[in-house]
Amino acid sequence: MQEEILRLEKDNNRMLHSMRRTAFWGGVFKLILWAGLIAAPIWLYATYLAPIVQSVQQTVNQVQNTGTNAQAQVNGFGDALQQFETKFMSMFQGKK
């Protein structure tokens, strides 16, 4: 009877150690998996997407600067046309 209890106790002890070991390695695997799932998008962004985003941002800034310059030229043309009209009218008004 005591030998049977000793055998069952050893078997139980072996199973418990196995369960602990499996739980430990499962936790390590989950930690590695979650770290990879969090780190992979950050690494992919920094490696591949960041240069593309930076290039697009520079292009957008160039387009905005071109639009601003064009608007300034149109405003300058309007002012020049206004001045020309004023001088033109003053020339004809002075001849009357």
Protein backbone atom coordinates (compact mmCIF):
# COMPACT_ATOMS: atom_id res chain seq x y z
CA MET A 1 0.00 0.00 0.00
CA GLN A 2 2.75 2.44 0.91
CA GLU A 3 4.62 1.59 -2.28
CA GLU A 4 1.50 2.39 -4.29
CA ILE A 5 1.11 5.73 -2.50
CA LEU A 6 4.81 6.50 -3.09
CA ARG A 7 4.43 5.63 -6.79
CA LEU A 8 1.31 7.82 -7.10
CA GLU A 9 3.04 10.65 -5.23
CA LYS A 10 6.05 10.52 -7.59
CA ASP A 11 3.80 10.38 -10.62
CA ASN A 12 1.79 13.34 -9.32
CA ASN A 13 4.99 15.28 -8.62
CA ARG A 14 6.26 14.57 -12.15
CA MET A 15 2.95 15.75 -13.66
CA LEU A 16 2.95 18.95 -11.59
CA HIS A 17 6.51 19.79 -12.62
CA SER A 18 5.60 19.12 -16.24
CA MET A 19 2.54 21.38 -15.95
CA ARG A 20 4.61 24.18 -14.39
CA ARG A 21 7.28 23.86 -17.07
CA THR A 22 4.63 23.93 -19.81
CA ALA A 23 2.96 26.98 -18.25
CA PHE A 24 6.32 28.77 -17.97
CA TRP A 25 7.26 28.14 -21.61
CA GLY A 26 3.75 29.06 -22.70
CA GLY A 27 4.08 32.38 -20.89
CA VAL A 28 7.48 33.01 -22.46
CA PHE A 29 6.05 32.20 -25.89
CA LYS A 30 3.07 34.55 -25.34
CA LEU A 31 5.43 37.32 -24.24
CA ILE A 32 7.58 36.87 -27.34
CA LEU A 33 4.49 36.73 -29.54
CA TRP A 34 3.01 39.94 -28.12
CA ALA A 35 6.36 41.72 -28.24
CA GLY A 36 6.66 40.72 -31.89
CA LEU A 37 3.12 41.82 -32.69
CA ILE A 38 3.79 45.22 -31.12
CA ALA A 39 7.35 45.70 -32.40
CA ALA A 40 6.81 44.47 -35.98
CA PRO A 41 4.55 47.34 -37.15
CA ILE A 42 6.85 49.89 -35.53
CA TRP A 43 9.87 48.37 -37.26
CA LEU A 44 8.05 48.14 -40.60
CA TYR A 45 6.97 51.79 -40.33
CA ALA A 46 10.45 52.98 -39.43
CA THR A 47 12.10 50.91 -42.15
CA TYR A 48 9.75 51.14 -45.10
CA LEU A 49 6.92 53.58 -44.53
CA ALA A 50 8.68 56.53 -42.88
CA PRO A 51 10.78 57.45 -45.98
CA ILE A 52 7.67 57.27 -48.16
CA VAL A 53 5.66 59.42 -45.74
CA GLN A 54 8.52 61.93 -45.57
CA SER A 55 8.70 62.07 -49.37
CA VAL A 56 4.94 62.62 -49.65
CA GLN A 57 5.12 65.31 -46.98
CA GLN A 58 7.88 67.13 -48.90
CA THR A 59 5.84 66.90 -52.09
CA VAL A 60 2.76 68.30 -50.33
CA ASN A 61 4.86 71.17 -48.94
CA GLN A 62 6.23 71.93 -52.42
CA VAL A 63 2.72 71.95 -53.87
CA GLN A 64 1.54 74.28 -51.09
CA ASN A 65 4.51 76.60 -51.67
CA THR A 66 3.81 76.61 -55.41
CA GLY A 67 0.16 77.45 -54.73
CA THR A 68 1.17 80.25 -52.39
CA ASN A 69 3.62 81.64 -54.96
CA ALA A 70 0.99 81.47 -57.71
CA GLN A 71 -1.53 83.23 -55.50
CA ALA A 72 1.01 85.96 -54.72
CA GLN A 73 1.71 86.39 -58.44
CA VAL A 74 -2.00 86.61 -59.24
CA ASN A 75 -2.45 89.21 -56.48
CA GLY A 76 0.59 91.10 -57.79
CA PHE A 77 -0.81 90.96 -61.33
CA GLY A 78 -4.14 92.29 -60.07
CA ASP A 79 -2.39 95.16 -58.29
CA ALA A 80 -0.32 95.93 -61.40
CA LEU A 81 -3.47 95.89 -63.53
CA GLN A 82 -5.18 98.22 -61.05
CA GLN A 83 -2.21 100.63 -61.19
CA PHE A 84 -2.17 100.46 -65.00
CA GLU A 85 -5.88 101.22 -65.12
CA THR A 86 -5.44 104.15 -62.76
CA LYS A 87 -2.57 105.60 -64.83
CA PHE A 88 -4.37 104.94 -68.10
CA MET A 89 -7.51 106.70 -66.86
CA SER A 90 -5.49 109.59 -65.50
CA MET A 91 -3.77 110.02 -68.89
CA PHE A 92 -7.06 110.25 -70.77
CA GLN A 93 -8.67 112.42 -68.13
CA GLY A 94 -5.73 114.83 -68.35
CA LYS A 95 -6.19 115.26 -72.16
CA LYS A 96 -9.80 116.38 -71.92
